[in-house]
PDB file of N, CA and C in Angstrom:
ATOM      1  N   LEU A   1      79.148  12.026  42.023  1.00  0.00           N
ATOM      2  CA  LEU A   1      78.364  13.029  41.296  1.00  0.00           C
ATOM      3  C   LEU A   1      78.288  12.692  39.816  1.00  0.00           C
ATOM      4  N   ARG A   2      77.106  12.856  39.256  1.00  0.00           N
ATOM      5  CA  ARG A   2      76.966  12.614  37.827  1.00  0.00           C
ATOM      6  C   ARG A   2      77.497  13.781  37.010  1.00  0.00           C
ATOM      7  N   TRP A   3      77.433  14.980  37.554  1.00  0.00           N
ATOM      8  CA  TRP A   3      77.861  16.156  36.800  1.00  0.00           C
ATOM      9  C   TRP A   3      78.315  17.230  37.760  1.00  0.00           C
ATOM     10  N   ALA A   4      79.002  18.191  37.199  1.00  0.00           N
ATOM     11  CA  ALA A   4      79.393  19.359  37.989  1.00  0.00           C
ATOM     12  C   ALA A   4      78.353  20.449  37.745  1.00  0.00           C
ATOM     13  N   GLU A   5      78.014  21.178  38.793  1.00  0.00           N
ATOM     14  CA  GLU A   5      77.034  22.253  38.658  1.00  0.00           C
ATOM     15  C   GLU A   5      77.730  23.585  38.899  1.00  0.00           C
ATOM     16  N   MET A   6      77.464  24.544  38.019  1.00  0.00           N
ATOM     17  CA  MET A   6      78.050  25.870  38.165  1.00  0.00           C
ATOM     18  C   MET A   6      76.942  26.906  38.216  1.00  0.00           C
ATOM     19  N   GLN A   7      76.987  27.764  39.229  1.00  0.00           N
ATOM     20  CA  GLN A   7      76.006  28.847  39.328  1.00  0.00           C
ATOM     21  C   GLN A   7      76.658  30.135  38.845  1.00  0.00           C
ATOM     22  N   VAL A   8      75.948  30.853  38.004  1.00  0.00           N
ATOM     23  CA  VAL A   8      76.426  32.115  37.458  1.00  0.00           C
ATOM     24  C   VAL A   8      75.472  33.219  37.898  1.00  0.00           C
ATOM     25  N   THR A   9      76.006  34.241  38.521  1.00  0.00           N
ATOM     26  CA  THR A   9      75.211  35.412  38.878  1.00  0.00           C
ATOM     27  C   THR A   9      75.508  36.494  37.858  1.00  0.00           C
ATOM     28  N   LEU A  10      74.484  36.903  37.123  1.00  0.00           N
ATOM     29  CA  LEU A  10      74.667  37.866  36.039  1.00  0.00           C
ATOM     30  C   LEU A  10      74.594  39.302  36.527  1.00  0.00           C
ATOM     31  N   SER A  11      75.425  40.153  35.945  1.00  0.00           N
ATOM     32  CA  SER A  11      75.339  41.592  36.192  1.00  0.00           C
ATOM     33  C   SER A  11      74.215  42.151  35.331  1.00  0.00           C
ATOM     34  N   GLN A  12      73.562  43.174  35.851  1.00  0.00           N
ATOM     35  CA  GLN A  12      72.498  43.826  35.082  1.00  0.00           C
ATOM     36  C   GLN A  12      73.054  45.088  34.420  1.00  0.00           C
ATOM     37  N   PRO A  13      72.587  45.492  33.249  1.00  0.00           N
ATOM     38  CA  PRO A  13      71.650  44.749  32.413  1.00  0.00           C
ATOM     39  C   PRO A  13      72.357  43.584  31.716  1.00  0.00           C
ATOM     40  N   VAL A  14      71.607  42.537  31.437  1.00  0.00           N
ATOM     41  CA  VAL A  14      72.157  41.343  30.799  1.00  0.00           C
ATOM     42  C   VAL A  14      72.177  41.575  29.287  1.00  0.00           C
ATOM     43  N   SER A  15      73.302  41.237  28.679  1.00  0.00           N
ATOM     44  CA  SER A  15      73.426  41.335  27.219  1.00  0.00           C
ATOM     45  C   SER A  15      72.904  40.040  26.603  1.00  0.00           C
ATOM     46  N   VAL A  16      71.787  40.141  25.849  1.00  0.00           N
ATOM     47  CA  VAL A  16      71.190  38.966  25.207  1.00  0.00           C
ATOM     48  C   VAL A  16      71.034  39.259  23.712  1.00  0.00           C
ATOM     49  N   ASP A  17      71.516  38.333  22.884  1.00  0.00           N
ATOM     50  CA  ASP A  17      71.417  38.491  21.437  1.00  0.00           C
ATOM     51  C   ASP A  17      70.812  37.220  20.844  1.00  0.00           C
ATOM     52  N   GLU A  18      69.636  37.359  20.228  1.00  0.00           N
ATOM     53  CA  GLU A  18      69.016  36.219  19.550  1.00  0.00           C
ATOM     54  C   GLU A  18      69.594  36.152  18.141  1.00  0.00           C
ATOM     55  N   VAL A  19      70.543  35.254  17.939  1.00  0.00           N
ATOM     56  CA  VAL A  19      71.231  35.142  16.660  1.00  0.00           C
ATOM     57  C   VAL A  19      70.296  34.589  15.593  1.00  0.00           C
ATOM     58  N   ASP A  20      69.621  33.489  15.917  1.00  0.00           N
ATOM     59  CA  ASP A  20      68.621  32.910  15.021  1.00  0.00           C
ATOM     60  C   ASP A  20      67.698  32.031  15.852  1.00  0.00           C
ATOM     61  N   ALA A  21      66.892  31.201  15.197  1.00  0.00           N
ATOM     62  CA  ALA A  21      65.896  30.397  15.911  1.00  0.00           C
ATOM     63  C   ALA A  21      66.521  29.334  16.813  1.00  0.00           C
ATOM     64  N   GLU A  22      67.822  29.070  16.645  1.00  0.00           N
ATOM     65  CA  GLU A  22      68.450  28.006  17.425  1.00  0.00           C
ATOM     66  C   GLU A  22      69.594  28.474  18.300  1.00  0.00           C
ATOM     67  N   ILE A  23      69.947  29.770  18.246  1.00  0.00           N
ATOM     68  CA  ILE A  23      71.098  30.254  19.017  1.00  0.00           C
ATOM     69  C   ILE A  23      70.767  31.558  19.733  1.00  0.00           C
ATOM     70  N   VAL A  24      71.109  31.600  21.023  1.00  0.00           N
ATOM     71  CA  VAL A  24      70.997  32.821  21.832  1.00  0.00           C
ATOM     72  C   VAL A  24      72.355  33.036  22.487  1.00  0.00           C
ATOM     73  N   VAL A  25      72.838  34.285  22.476  1.00  0.00           N
ATOM     74  CA  VAL A  25      74.099  34.599  23.145  1.00  0.00           C
ATOM     75  C   VAL A  25      73.785  35.448  24.365  1.00  0.00           C
ATOM     76  N   VAL A  26      74.259  35.005  25.536  1.00  0.00           N
ATOM     77  CA  VAL A  26      74.063  35.755  26.786  1.00  0.00           C
ATOM     78  C   VAL A  26      75.414  35.916  27.470  1.00  0.00           C
ATOM     79  N   ALA A  27      75.779  37.157  27.753  1.00  0.00           N
ATOM     80  CA  ALA A  27      77.018  37.462  28.490  1.00  0.00           C
ATOM     81  C   ALA A  27      78.226  36.719  27.915  1.00  0.00           C
ATOM     82  N   GLY A  28      78.330  36.677  26.574  1.00  0.00           N
ATOM     83  CA  GLY A  28      79.469  36.047  25.919  1.00  0.00           C
ATOM     84  C   GLY A  28      79.383  34.545  25.756  1.00  0.00           C
ATOM     85  N   CYS A  29      78.225  33.973  26.090  1.00  0.00           N
ATOM     86  CA  CYS A  29      78.034  32.519  26.027  1.00  0.00           C
ATOM     87  C   CYS A  29      76.974  32.195  24.980  1.00  0.00           C
ATOM     88  N   ALA A  30      77.362  31.477  23.916  1.00  0.00           N
ATOM     89  CA  ALA A  30      76.416  31.091  22.864  1.00  0.00           C
ATOM     90  C   ALA A  30      75.725  29.792  23.262  1.00  0.00           C
ATOM     91  N   LEU A  31      74.395  29.838  23.304  1.00  0.00           N
ATOM     92  CA  LEU A  31      73.581  28.678  23.679  1.00  0.00           C
ATOM     93  C   LEU A  31      72.869  28.130  22.454  1.00  0.00           C
ATOM     94  N   GLY A  32      72.918  26.813  22.278  1.00  0.00           N
ATOM     95  CA  GLY A  32      72.254  26.165  21.155  1.00  0.00           C
ATOM     96  C   GLY A  32      71.059  25.360  21.620  1.00  0.00           C
ATOM     97  N   PHE A  33      70.018  25.387  20.808  1.00  0.00           N
ATOM     98  CA  PHE A  33      68.785  24.641  21.101  1.00  0.00           C
ATOM     99  C   PHE A  33      68.744  23.469  20.136  1.00  0.00           C
ATOM    100  N   VAL A  34      69.122  22.291  20.633  1.00  0.00           N
ATOM    101  CA  VAL A  34      69.312  21.139  19.772  1.00  0.00           C
ATOM    102  C   VAL A  34      68.047  20.321  19.598  1.00  0.00           C
ATOM    103  N   ALA A  35      67.365  20.035  20.706  1.00  0.00           N
ATOM    104  CA  ALA A  35      66.192  19.165  20.630  1.00  0.00           C
ATOM    105  C   ALA A  35      65.146  19.637  21.637  1.00  0.00           C
ATOM    106  N   PRO A  36      63.860  19.530  21.266  1.00  0.00           N
ATOM    107  CA  PRO A  36      62.801  19.885  22.212  1.00  0.00           C
ATOM    108  C   PRO A  36      62.906  19.032  23.476  1.00  0.00           C
ATOM    109  N   GLY A  37      62.637  19.649  24.619  1.00  0.00           N
ATOM    110  CA  GLY A  37      62.694  18.909  25.874  1.00  0.00           C
ATOM    111  C   GLY A  37      64.091  18.781  26.445  1.00  0.00           C
ATOM    112  N   GLN A  38      65.097  19.326  25.750  1.00  0.00           N
ATOM    113  CA  GLN A  38      66.479  19.303  26.235  1.00  0.00           C
ATOM    114  C   GLN A  38      66.877  20.716  26.637  1.00  0.00           C
ATOM    115  N   PRO A  39      67.646  20.858  27.706  1.00  0.00           N
ATOM    116  CA  PRO A  39      68.102  22.216  28.049  1.00  0.00           C
ATOM    117  C   PRO A  39      69.062  22.732  26.974  1.00  0.00           C
ATOM    118  N   PRO A  40      69.132  24.059  26.797  1.00  0.00           N
ATOM    119  CA  PRO A  40      70.085  24.595  25.825  1.00  0.00           C
ATOM    120  C   PRO A  40      71.507  24.229  26.224  1.00  0.00           C
ATOM    121  N   HIS A  41      72.342  23.942  25.223  1.00  0.00           N
ATOM    122  CA  HIS A  41      73.728  23.608  25.563  1.00  0.00           C
ATOM    123  C   HIS A  41      74.669  24.691  25.044  1.00  0.00           C
ATOM    124  N   VAL A  42      75.812  24.795  25.706  1.00  0.00           N
ATOM    125  CA  VAL A  42      76.787  25.831  25.388  1.00  0.00           C
ATOM    126  C   VAL A  42      77.547  25.438  24.121  1.00  0.00           C
ATOM    127  N   LEU A  43      77.471  26.313  23.118  1.00  0.00           N
ATOM    128  CA  LEU A  43      78.198  26.098  21.872  1.00  0.00           C
ATOM    129  C   LEU A  43      79.610  26.666  21.966  1.00  0.00           C
ATOM    130  N   HIS A  44      79.713  27.828  22.626  1.00  0.00           N
ATOM    131  CA  HIS A  44      80.986  28.549  22.662  1.00  0.00           C
ATOM    132  C   HIS A  44      80.919  29.589  23.774  1.00  0.00           C
ATOM    133  N   VAL A  45      82.047  29.846  24.405  1.00  0.00           N
ATOM    134  CA  VAL A  45      82.132  30.922  25.400  1.00  0.00           C
ATOM    135  C   VAL A  45      83.272  31.838  24.991  1.00  0.00           C
ATOM    136  N   ASP A  46      82.967  33.118  24.800  1.00  0.00           N
ATOM    137  CA  ASP A  46      84.014  34.073  24.453  1.00  0.00           C
ATOM    138  C   ASP A  46      84.934  34.273  25.649  1.00  0.00           C
ATOM    139  N   PRO A  47      86.256  34.364  25.403  1.00  0.00           N
ATOM    140  CA  PRO A  47      87.179  34.611  26.510  1.00  0.00           C
ATOM    141  C   PRO A  47      86.945  35.993  27.113  1.00  0.00           C
ATOM    142  N   ASP A  48      87.319  36.147  28.349  1.00  0.00           N
ATOM    143  CA  ASP A  48      87.217  37.440  29.051  1.00  0.00           C
ATOM    144  C   ASP A  48      85.797  37.981  29.096  1.00  0.00           C
ATOM    145  N   THR A  49      84.816  37.095  29.260  1.00  0.00           N
ATOM    146  CA  THR A  49      83.430  37.519  29.416  1.00  0.00           C
ATOM    147  C   THR A  49      82.931  37.050  30.779  1.00  0.00           C
ATOM    148  N   GLU A  50      81.757  37.528  31.134  1.00  0.00           N
ATOM    149  CA  GLU A  50      81.193  37.193  32.441  1.00  0.00           C
ATOM    150  C   GLU A  50      81.077  35.679  32.637  1.00  0.00           C
ATOM    151  N   THR A  51      80.560  34.980  31.637  1.00  0.00           N
ATOM    152  CA  THR A  51      80.367  33.527  31.793  1.00  0.00           C
ATOM    153  C   THR A  51      81.702  32.775  31.795  1.00  0.00           C
ATOM    154  N   SER A  52      82.689  33.227  31.026  1.00  0.00           N
ATOM    155  CA  SER A  52      83.980  32.522  31.023  1.00  0.00           C
ATOM    156  C   SER A  52      84.649  32.618  32.395  1.00  0.00           C
ATOM    157  N   GLY A  53      84.404  33.705  33.104  1.00  0.00           N
ATOM    158  CA  GLY A  53      84.966  33.876  34.438  1.00  0.00           C
ATOM    159  C   GLY A  53      84.441  32.854  35.437  1.00  0.00           C
ATOM    160  N   TYR A  54      83.288  32.260  35.142  1.00  0.00           N
ATOM    161  CA  TYR A  54      82.713  31.225  36.014  1.00  0.00           C
ATOM    162  C   TYR A  54      83.141  29.818  35.586  1.00  0.00           C
ATOM    163  N   GLY A  55      83.945  29.724  34.532  1.00  0.00           N
ATOM    164  CA  GLY A  55      84.419  28.417  34.087  1.00  0.00           C
ATOM    165  C   GLY A  55      83.448  27.670  33.184  1.00  0.00           C
ATOM    166  N   ILE A  56      82.444  28.377  32.647  1.00  0.00           N
ATOM    167  CA  ILE A  56      81.506  27.730  31.725  1.00  0.00           C
ATOM    168  C   ILE A  56      82.258  27.386  30.446  1.00  0.00           C
ATOM    169  N   GLN A  57      81.968  26.210  29.876  1.00  0.00           N
ATOM    170  CA  GLN A  57      82.657  25.794  28.658  1.00  0.00           C
ATOM    171  C   GLN A  57      81.705  25.060  27.720  1.00  0.00           C
ATOM    172  N   SER A  58      82.186  24.826  26.493  1.00  0.00           N
ATOM    173  CA  SER A  58      81.373  24.143  25.483  1.00  0.00           C
ATOM    174  C   SER A  58      80.833  22.824  26.015  1.00  0.00           C
ATOM    175  N   ASP A  59      79.606  22.513  25.638  1.00  0.00           N
ATOM    176  CA  ASP A  59      78.878  21.287  25.999  1.00  0.00           C
ATOM    177  C   ASP A  59      78.261  21.317  27.395  1.00  0.00           C
ATOM    178  N   ASP A  60      78.510  22.384  28.179  1.00  0.00           N
ATOM    179  CA  ASP A  60      77.769  22.526  29.431  1.00  0.00           C
ATOM    180  C   ASP A  60      76.300  22.776  29.081  1.00  0.00           C
ATOM    181  N   LEU A  61      75.409  22.496  30.007  1.00  0.00           N
ATOM    182  CA  LEU A  61      73.971  22.667  29.785  1.00  0.00           C
ATOM    183  C   LEU A  61      73.438  23.761  30.693  1.00  0.00           C
ATOM    184  N   LEU A  62      72.606  24.642  30.137  1.00  0.00           N
ATOM    185  CA  LEU A  62      71.928  25.657  30.946  1.00  0.00           C
ATOM    186  C   LEU A  62      70.653  25.010  31.470  1.00  0.00           C
ATOM    187  N   VAL A  63      70.664  24.596  32.744  1.00  0.00           N
ATOM    188  CA  VAL A  63      69.542  23.819  33.277  1.00  0.00           C
ATOM    189  C   VAL A  63      68.486  24.657  33.980  1.00  0.00           C
ATOM    190  N   SER A  64      68.865  25.870  34.453  1.00  0.00           N
ATOM    191  CA  SER A  64      67.823  26.708  35.044  1.00  0.00           C
ATOM    192  C   SER A  64      68.165  28.186  34.951  1.00  0.00           C
ATOM    193  N   ILE A  65      67.113  28.995  34.872  1.00  0.00           N
ATOM    194  CA  ILE A  65      67.209  30.451  34.860  1.00  0.00           C
ATOM    195  C   ILE A  65      66.363  30.936  36.022  1.00  0.00           C
ATOM    196  N   ASP A  66      66.999  31.580  36.993  1.00  0.00           N
ATOM    197  CA  ASP A  66      66.298  32.057  38.190  1.00  0.00           C
ATOM    198  C   ASP A  66      65.412  30.961  38.800  1.00  0.00           C
ATOM    199  N   GLY A  67      65.955  29.738  38.855  1.00  0.00           N
ATOM    200  CA  GLY A  67      65.248  28.634  39.498  1.00  0.00           C
ATOM    201  C   GLY A  67      64.238  27.906  38.634  1.00  0.00           C
ATOM    202  N   GLN A  68      64.033  28.346  37.386  1.00  0.00           N
ATOM    203  CA  GLN A  68      63.073  27.668  36.510  1.00  0.00           C
ATOM    204  C   GLN A  68      63.801  26.742  35.543  1.00  0.00           C
ATOM    205  N   ASP A  69      63.318  25.515  35.451  1.00  0.00           N
ATOM    206  CA  ASP A  69      63.886  24.496  34.567  1.00  0.00           C
ATOM    207  C   ASP A  69      63.786  24.953  33.113  1.00  0.00           C
ATOM    208  N   THR A  70      64.901  24.895  32.379  1.00  0.00           N
ATOM    209  CA  THR A  70      64.901  25.328  30.978  1.00  0.00           C
ATOM    210  C   THR A  70      64.500  24.236  29.992  1.00  0.00           C
ATOM    211  N   SER A  71      64.432  22.981  30.428  1.00  0.00           N
ATOM    212  CA  SER A  71      64.153  21.878  29.497  1.00  0.00           C
ATOM    213  C   SER A  71      62.911  22.076  28.631  1.00  0.00           C
ATOM    214  N   PRO A  72      61.767  22.513  29.227  1.00  0.00           N
ATOM    215  CA  PRO A  72      60.575  22.642  28.387  1.00  0.00           C
ATOM    216  C   PRO A  72      60.526  23.947  27.573  1.00  0.00           C
ATOM    217  N   MET A  73      61.511  24.837  27.758  1.00  0.00           N
ATOM    218  CA  MET A  73      61.454  26.148  27.110  1.00  0.00           C
ATOM    219  C   MET A  73      62.049  26.129  25.710  1.00  0.00           C
ATOM    220  N   GLY A  74      61.457  26.921  24.845  1.00  0.00           N
ATOM    221  CA  GLY A  74      62.020  27.135  23.518  1.00  0.00           C
ATOM    222  C   GLY A  74      62.972  28.311  23.540  1.00  0.00           C
ATOM    223  N   GLN A  75      63.567  28.593  22.393  1.00  0.00           N
ATOM    224  CA  GLN A  75      64.545  29.666  22.279  1.00  0.00           C
ATOM    225  C   GLN A  75      63.964  31.023  22.669  1.00  0.00           C
ATOM    226  N   GLU A  76      62.745  31.322  22.219  1.00  0.00           N
ATOM    227  CA  GLU A  76      62.147  32.636  22.511  1.00  0.00           C
ATOM    228  C   GLU A  76      61.925  32.834  24.011  1.00  0.00           C
ATOM    229  N   LYS A  77      61.423  31.797  24.686  1.00  0.00           N
ATOM    230  CA  LYS A  77      61.160  31.883  26.128  1.00  0.00           C
ATOM    231  C   LYS A  77      62.474  32.042  26.899  1.00  0.00           C
ATOM    232  N   VAL A  78      63.495  31.271  26.512  1.00  0.00           N
ATOM    233  CA  VAL A  78      64.791  31.370  27.179  1.00  0.00           C
ATOM    234  C   VAL A  78      65.361  32.777  26.998  1.00  0.00           C
ATOM    235  N   ALA A  79      65.316  33.304  25.770  1.00  0.00           N
ATOM    236  CA  ALA A  79      65.842  34.648  25.509  1.00  0.00           C
ATOM    237  C   ALA A  79      65.098  35.692  26.340  1.00  0.00           C
ATOM    238  N   GLU A  80      63.771  35.554  26.413  1.00  0.00           N
ATOM    239  CA  GLU A  80      62.951  36.489  27.196  1.00  0.00           C
ATOM    240  C   GLU A  80      63.353  36.439  28.674  1.00  0.00           C
ATOM    241  N   MET A  81      63.510  35.230  29.219  1.00  0.00           N
ATOM    242  CA  MET A  81      63.873  35.091  30.632  1.00  0.00           C
ATOM    243  C   MET A  81      65.294  35.576  30.916  1.00  0.00           C
ATOM    244  N   LEU A  82      66.213  35.358  29.953  1.00  0.00           N
ATOM    245  CA  LEU A  82      67.598  35.772  30.163  1.00  0.00           C
ATOM    246  C   LEU A  82      67.721  37.284  30.307  1.00  0.00           C
ATOM    247  N   ARG A  83      66.846  38.022  29.651  1.00  0.00           N
ATOM    248  CA  ARG A  83      66.931  39.491  29.688  1.00  0.00           C
ATOM    249  C   ARG A  83      66.803  40.056  31.103  1.00  0.00           C
ATOM    250  N   SER A  84      66.056  39.365  31.961  1.00  0.00           N
ATOM    251  CA  SER A  84      65.894  39.852  33.331  1.00  0.00           C
ATOM    252  C   SER A  84      66.521  38.900  34.357  1.00  0.00           C
ATOM    253  N   ALA A  85      67.259  37.909  33.880  1.00  0.00           N
ATOM    254  CA  ALA A  85      67.811  36.878  34.771  1.00  0.00           C
ATOM    255  C   ALA A  85      68.906  37.420  35.670  1.00  0.00           C
ATOM    256  N   THR A  86      68.981  36.851  36.869  1.00  0.00           N
ATOM    257  CA  THR A  86      70.086  37.171  37.770  1.00  0.00           C
ATOM    258  C   THR A  86      70.930  35.939  38.072  1.00  0.00           C
ATOM    259  N   LYS A  87      70.303  34.750  38.050  1.00  0.00           N
ATOM    260  CA  LYS A  87      71.057  33.539  38.385  1.00  0.00           C
ATOM    261  C   LYS A  87      70.811  32.440  37.350  1.00  0.00           C
ATOM    262  N   LEU A  88      71.899  31.932  36.793  1.00  0.00           N
ATOM    263  CA  LEU A  88      71.832  30.814  35.854  1.00  0.00           C
ATOM    264  C   LEU A  88      72.524  29.625  36.497  1.00  0.00           C
ATOM    265  N   VAL A  89      72.024  28.424  36.217  1.00  0.00           N
ATOM    266  CA  VAL A  89      72.697  27.214  36.683  1.00  0.00           C
ATOM    267  C   VAL A  89      73.044  26.373  35.461  1.00  0.00           C
ATOM    268  N   PHE A  90      74.326  26.055  35.344  1.00  0.00           N
ATOM    269  CA  PHE A  90      74.822  25.203  34.273  1.00  0.00           C
ATOM    270  C   PHE A  90      75.251  23.883  34.879  1.00  0.00           C
ATOM    271  N   GLU A  91      75.108  22.810  34.110  1.00  0.00           N
ATOM    272  CA  GLU A  91      75.624  21.506  34.531  1.00  0.00           C
ATOM    273  C   GLU A  91      76.566  21.002  33.449  1.00  0.00           C
ATOM    274  N   ARG A  92      77.607  20.315  33.897  1.00  0.00           N
ATOM    275  CA  ARG A  92      78.549  19.704  32.967  1.00  0.00           C
ATOM    276  C   ARG A  92      78.253  18.213  32.930  1.00  0.00           C
ATOM    277  N   PRO A  93      77.804  17.690  31.787  1.00  0.00           N
ATOM    278  CA  PRO A  93      77.531  16.247  31.716  1.00  0.00           C
ATOM    279  C   PRO A  93      78.780  15.449  32.067  1.00  0.00           C
ATOM    280  N   LYS A  94      78.573  14.314  32.729  1.00  0.00           N
ATOM    281  CA  LYS A  94      79.697  13.508  33.209  1.00  0.00           C
ATOM    282  C   LYS A  94      80.647  13.140  32.071  1.00  0.00           C
ATOM    283  N   GLY A  95      80.117  12.752  30.939  1.00  0.00           N
ATOM    284  CA  GLY A  95      80.965  12.371  29.800  1.00  0.00           C
ATOM    285  C   GLY A  95      81.874  13.495  29.360  1.00  0.00           C
ATOM    286  N   ALA A  96      81.380  14.730  29.374  1.00  0.00           N
ATOM    287  CA  ALA A  96      82.185  15.872  28.937  1.00  0.00           C
ATOM    288  C   ALA A  96      83.347  16.101  29.893  1.00  0.00           C
ATOM    289  N   ALA A  97      83.090  15.977  31.190  1.00  0.00           N
ATOM    290  CA  ALA A  97      84.148  16.190  32.179  1.00  0.00           C
ATOM    291  C   ALA A  97      85.203  15.089  32.070  1.00  0.00           C
ATOM    292  N   GLU A  98      84.764  13.843  31.836  1.00  0.00           N
ATOM    293  CA  GLU A  98      85.714  12.742  31.723  1.00  0.00           C
ATOM    294  C   GLU A  98      86.568  12.892  30.480  1.00  0.00           C
ATOM    295  N   ALA A  99      85.947  13.266  29.366  1.00  0.00           N
ATOM    296  CA  ALA A  99      86.682  13.422  28.110  1.00  0.00           C
ATOM    297  C   ALA A  99      87.753  14.495  28.268  1.00  0.00           C
ATOM    298  N   GLU A 100      87.406  15.541  28.980  1.00  0.00           N
ATOM    299  CA  GLU A 100      88.343  16.638  29.202  1.00  0.00           C
ATOM    300  C   GLU A 100      89.601  16.144  29.905  1.00  0.00           C
ATOM    301  N   GLY A 101      89.424  15.283  30.900  1.00  0.00           N
ATOM    302  CA  GLY A 101      90.565  14.829  31.675  1.00  0.00           C
ATOM    303  C   GLY A 101      91.357  13.709  31.027  1.00  0.00           C
ATOM    304  N   SER A 102      90.755  12.950  30.115  1.00  0.00           N
ATOM    305  CA  SER A 102      91.431  11.770  29.595  1.00  0.00           C
ATOM    306  C   SER A 102      92.126  12.007  28.263  1.00  0.00           C
ATOM    307  N   GLU A 103      91.784  13.064  27.563  1.00  0.00           N
ATOM    308  CA  GLU A 103      92.422  13.312  26.277  1.00  0.00           C
ATOM    309  C   GLU A 103      93.669  14.172  26.472  1.00  0.00           C
ATOM    310  N   PRO A 104      94.679  13.941  25.632  1.00  0.00           N
ATOM    311  CA  PRO A 104      95.862  14.801  25.749  1.00  0.00           C
ATOM    312  C   PRO A 104      95.502  16.218  25.330  1.00  0.00           C
ATOM    313  N   PRO A 105      96.177  17.211  25.870  1.00  0.00           N
ATOM    314  CA  PRO A 105      95.875  18.583  25.467  1.00  0.00           C
ATOM    315  C   PRO A 105      96.179  18.787  23.990  1.00  0.00           C
ATOM    316  N   SER A 106      95.501  19.729  23.383  1.00  0.00           N
ATOM    317  CA  SER A 106      95.644  19.947  21.949  1.00  0.00           C
ATOM    318  C   SER A 106      97.048  20.406  21.583  1.00  0.00           C
ATOM    319  N   ASP A 107      97.797  20.948  22.535  1.00  0.00           N
ATOM    320  CA  ASP A 107      99.150  21.396  22.215  1.00  0.00           C
ATOM    321  C   ASP A 107     100.127  20.215  22.070  1.00  0.00           C
ATOM    322  N   ALA A 108      99.653  18.982  22.305  1.00  0.00           N
ATOM    323  CA  ALA A 108     100.503  17.812  22.109  1.00  0.00           C
ATOM    324  C   ALA A 108     100.928  17.719  20.647  1.00  0.00           C
ATOM    325  N   GLU A 109     100.055  18.124  19.720  1.00  0.00           N
ATOM    326  CA  GLU A 109     100.406  18.120  18.300  1.00  0.00           C
ATOM    327  C   GLU A 109     101.546  19.100  18.030  1.00  0.00           C
ATOM    328  N   ASP A 110     101.527  20.249  18.660  1.00  0.00           N
ATOM    329  CA  ASP A 110     102.548  21.264  18.463  1.00  0.00           C
ATOM    330  C   ASP A 110     103.930  20.733  18.864  1.00  0.00           C
ATOM    331  N   LYS A 111     103.954  19.893  19.905  1.00  0.00           N
ATOM    332  CA  LYS A 111     105.250  19.382  20.393  1.00  0.00           C
ATOM    333  C   LYS A 111     105.866  18.406  19.392  1.00  0.00           C
ATOM    334  N   ARG A 112     105.040  17.757  18.580  1.00  0.00           N
ATOM    335  CA  ARG A 112     105.560  16.801  17.607  1.00  0.00           C
ATOM    336  C   ARG A 112     106.100  17.496  16.358  1.00  0.00           C
ATOM    337  N   ARG A 113     105.597  18.658  16.027  1.00  0.00           N
ATOM    338  CA  ARG A 113     105.955  19.326  14.779  1.00  0.00           C
ATOM    339  C   ARG A 113     107.434  19.663  14.652  1.00  0.00           C
ATOM    340  N   PRO A 114     108.100  20.190  15.707  1.00  0.00           N
ATOM    341  CA  PRO A 114     109.490  20.642  15.516  1.00  0.00           C
ATOM    342  C   PRO A 114     110.481  19.530  15.153  1.00  0.00           C
ATOM    343  N   GLU A 115     110.141  18.274  15.386  1.00  0.00           N
ATOM    344  CA  GLU A 115     111.080  17.178  15.137  1.00  0.00           C
ATOM    345  C   GLU A 115     111.481  17.095  13.678  1.00  0.00           C
TER     346      GLU A 115
END
């Protein structure tokens, strides 16, 4: 597999906040619009939110909303669709998943400090 795919079923009503022209927050998940023709990518996921419960994490990509490809959509269209969305599909790029497994956890620094 090139990537992991995660399906998220949203509870209604969906909480959508258009922060600015490049960021939309849905169900505790901040999505960034980096380049035209690219799906929005996850900037941050708040803990204890609907999306965090599905294991969504930074750098995942929102590839579809209710079966529609997000790549050609701009921020306004994505925000509009998210308001009535029931199913989101996120993909984790292969590089992101590999980096996660190969780097030491961030608490490794904490273990060195007490010496």
